[in-house]
Structures are given as structure tokens and as C-alpha cells.
Protein backbone atom coordinates (compact mmCIF):
# COMPACT_ATOMS: atom_id res chain seq x y z
CA GLN A 1 106.34 89.52 140.20
CA VAL A 2 104.10 90.31 137.07
CA GLN A 3 105.06 94.24 135.09
CA LEU A 4 102.62 96.05 132.52
CA VAL A 5 102.93 98.19 129.67
CA GLU A 6 100.05 98.78 128.08
CA SER A 7 99.88 100.70 124.36
CA GLY A 8 97.69 101.38 121.64
CA GLY A 9 95.39 104.47 123.29
CA GLY A 10 95.00 108.09 121.06
CA LEU A 11 92.14 109.64 119.01
CA ALA A 12 90.71 108.08 117.05
CA GLN A 13 86.51 108.81 115.34
CA ALA A 14 83.18 107.52 115.98
CA GLY A 15 82.81 104.31 114.20
CA GLY A 16 86.89 103.81 113.91
CA SER A 17 89.09 101.09 115.58
CA LEU A 18 92.14 101.22 118.30
CA ARG A 19 94.01 98.24 118.80
CA LEU A 20 95.20 97.94 122.42
CA SER A 21 98.76 96.07 123.79
CA CYS A 22 99.76 95.15 126.93
CA ALA A 23 102.99 93.90 127.34
CA ALA A 24 104.11 91.41 130.40
CA SER A 25 107.75 91.10 132.46
CA GLY A 26 108.98 89.87 135.05
CA GLY A 27 106.67 86.96 135.31
CA SER A 28 105.21 83.66 133.54
CA PHE A 29 102.78 85.44 131.22
CA GLY A 30 100.92 82.35 131.03
CA ASN A 31 99.87 81.88 134.17
CA TYR A 32 98.37 84.50 134.62
CA ALA A 33 93.76 85.67 134.04
CA MET A 34 94.19 89.53 132.31
CA GLY A 35 92.11 91.78 131.92
CA TRP A 36 90.81 95.07 130.80
CA PHE A 37 88.99 97.73 133.15
CA ARG A 38 88.88 101.56 131.78
CA GLN A 39 88.19 104.84 133.82
CA ALA A 40 86.45 107.18 132.19
CA PRO A 41 86.29 110.83 134.12
CA GLY A 42 84.61 111.33 137.35
CA LYS A 43 83.44 107.89 137.06
CA GLU A 44 84.80 104.22 138.64
CA ARG A 45 86.86 101.61 136.90
CA VAL A 46 84.84 99.00 135.42
CA PHE A 47 85.38 96.36 133.51
CA VAL A 48 85.51 95.51 130.04
CA ALA A 49 86.83 91.73 129.01
CA SER A 50 88.93 88.99 130.78
CA ILE A 51 90.96 85.99 128.89
CA SER A 52 91.69 82.78 130.85
CA CYS A 53 95.18 81.87 131.05
CA GLY A 54 95.47 80.05 127.78
CA GLY A 55 92.83 82.21 126.32
CA ASP A 56 91.12 80.09 125.56
CA LYS A 57 87.74 81.20 128.14
CA THR A 58 87.08 85.02 126.81
CA VAL A 59 84.29 86.78 129.21
CA PHE A 60 83.04 91.42 127.91
CA ALA A 61 80.86 93.51 129.48
CA ASP A 62 78.08 94.13 127.83
CA SER A 63 78.36 97.22 126.48
CA VAL A 64 81.50 95.98 124.45
CA LYS A 65 80.32 92.78 123.09
CA GLY A 66 80.67 92.24 119.69
CA ARG A 67 82.81 94.94 118.84
CA PHE A 68 85.38 94.28 121.48
CA THR A 69 88.00 91.34 121.25
CA ILE A 70 90.57 90.51 123.83
CA SER A 71 92.91 87.57 122.86
CA ARG A 72 96.71 87.61 124.89
CA ASP A 73 99.74 86.32 122.76
CA ASN A 74 101.80 83.50 124.88
CA ALA A 75 104.95 83.61 123.62
CA LYS A 76 105.56 86.92 122.86
CA ASN A 77 104.49 87.56 126.04
CA ILE A 78 101.45 90.62 125.50
CA LEU A 79 97.60 91.25 125.59
CA TYR A 80 95.61 92.90 123.17
CA LEU A 81 91.73 94.21 123.42
CA GLN A 82 91.08 95.55 119.92
CA MET A 83 88.32 97.70 119.90
CA HIS A 84 85.93 98.58 116.79
CA SER A 85 82.93 99.91 116.38
CA LEU A 86 84.15 102.69 118.75
CA ARG A 87 82.24 104.85 120.58
CA PRO A 88 82.52 108.77 122.49
CA GLU A 89 81.39 107.11 124.76
CA ASP A 90 84.04 104.31 124.95
CA THR A 91 86.27 107.66 125.51
CA ALA A 92 88.13 106.40 129.26
CA VAL A 93 92.56 105.64 130.60
CA TYR A 94 91.78 101.11 129.53
CA PHE A 95 94.24 99.49 131.95
CA CYS A 96 95.18 95.62 131.73
CA ALA A 97 95.57 93.66 135.11
CA ALA A 98 96.47 90.04 136.39
CA LYS A 99 95.24 87.45 138.59
CA GLY A 100 98.36 85.10 140.18
CA PRO A 101 100.18 83.18 139.13
CA LEU A 102 97.47 80.48 138.52
CA TYR A 103 98.67 76.54 138.73
CA SER A 104 94.88 76.07 139.11
CA PHE A 105 91.48 77.32 138.28
CA ARG A 106 93.67 78.43 134.95
CA TRP A 107 90.15 78.53 133.16
CA GLN A 108 89.34 81.59 135.25
CA THR A 109 88.47 84.37 133.62
CA PRO A 110 87.91 87.63 136.49
CA ARG A 111 85.53 90.71 135.91
CA SER A 112 87.09 92.34 139.41
CA SER A 113 88.93 94.11 140.08
CA SER A 114 89.29 93.49 142.99
CA ASP A 115 90.21 89.68 142.07
CA TYR A 116 93.83 91.16 139.79
CA GLY A 117 96.79 92.70 142.54
CA TYR A 118 99.33 93.82 138.92
CA TRP A 119 97.61 96.43 137.04
CA GLY A 120 99.18 98.45 134.36
CA GLN A 121 99.64 102.04 133.85
CA GLY A 122 96.60 102.75 131.66
CA THR A 123 96.28 103.98 127.63
CA GLN A 124 93.66 107.26 127.11
CA VAL A 125 91.92 106.19 124.10
CA THR A 126 89.18 109.30 123.36
CA VAL A 127 86.68 108.75 120.69
CA SER A 128 85.29 111.58 118.93
CA SER A 129 81.60 111.86 117.43
């Protein structure tokens, strides 16, 4: 069973950058597909990006495509979300999530929150205009 802890959130100006990290423990990190989701006040949690077990496949929500990058370091058990060109509408609590362990179909990049069985506690990102 994997435990996830996000960090790196904070306050940024519009047009700025932040990098979120998600440290995993308690499981074989490389056997989990990973994702980032976000939830703005009064809104539902929505998909941001996901990455396959080996890191070779990624997928992004249209709203962040070209601005955000997802990556992972399986040796260090860390998932990253690099965010550039931040906008006020990116303000939300950001959650990392894990699906697995996966021993087949390891290329998958799930987009639905219901696909993920493990979640972090979230980190707040606030973008000022």
C-alpha cells in the first residue's frame, strides 16, 4: 500500500512557475501509474495530468497542455508536476494519486479519479493576477 505526500505548493504570480512534488512510500513506486488532479473552491476535483509506470507515456488536460509537464523519478520515488505560465484559474488544491500495483497494462495513463486507489492530502496553489 502506497502513501503519498505532496509538497511545493504556494503563491505565484500570473505567468510564473511552480513545481509540485509527490513523495511515495510503502510500495514499489515503479508499479504505479500516477496522476495529478486539482480541486478549486466549490468545484469538483478534475484531472490535470497522468504518467505511466515507466514514465514513457503522459497525458494532459486541455487546460494545461503546453504549460504543465508531468514526470517521475522511480529511483527516488517522486512524482513531479512542473507548472509554467500560471494563470489565476490554476488556483486550486492539487492532489497526486496512484493506481496499482500494475503488473500488466503498465502503459496506461488513467484520467478518471475513480481509477485511482491512493491519494495524497493535497497542496494549495494560489495564482494572483
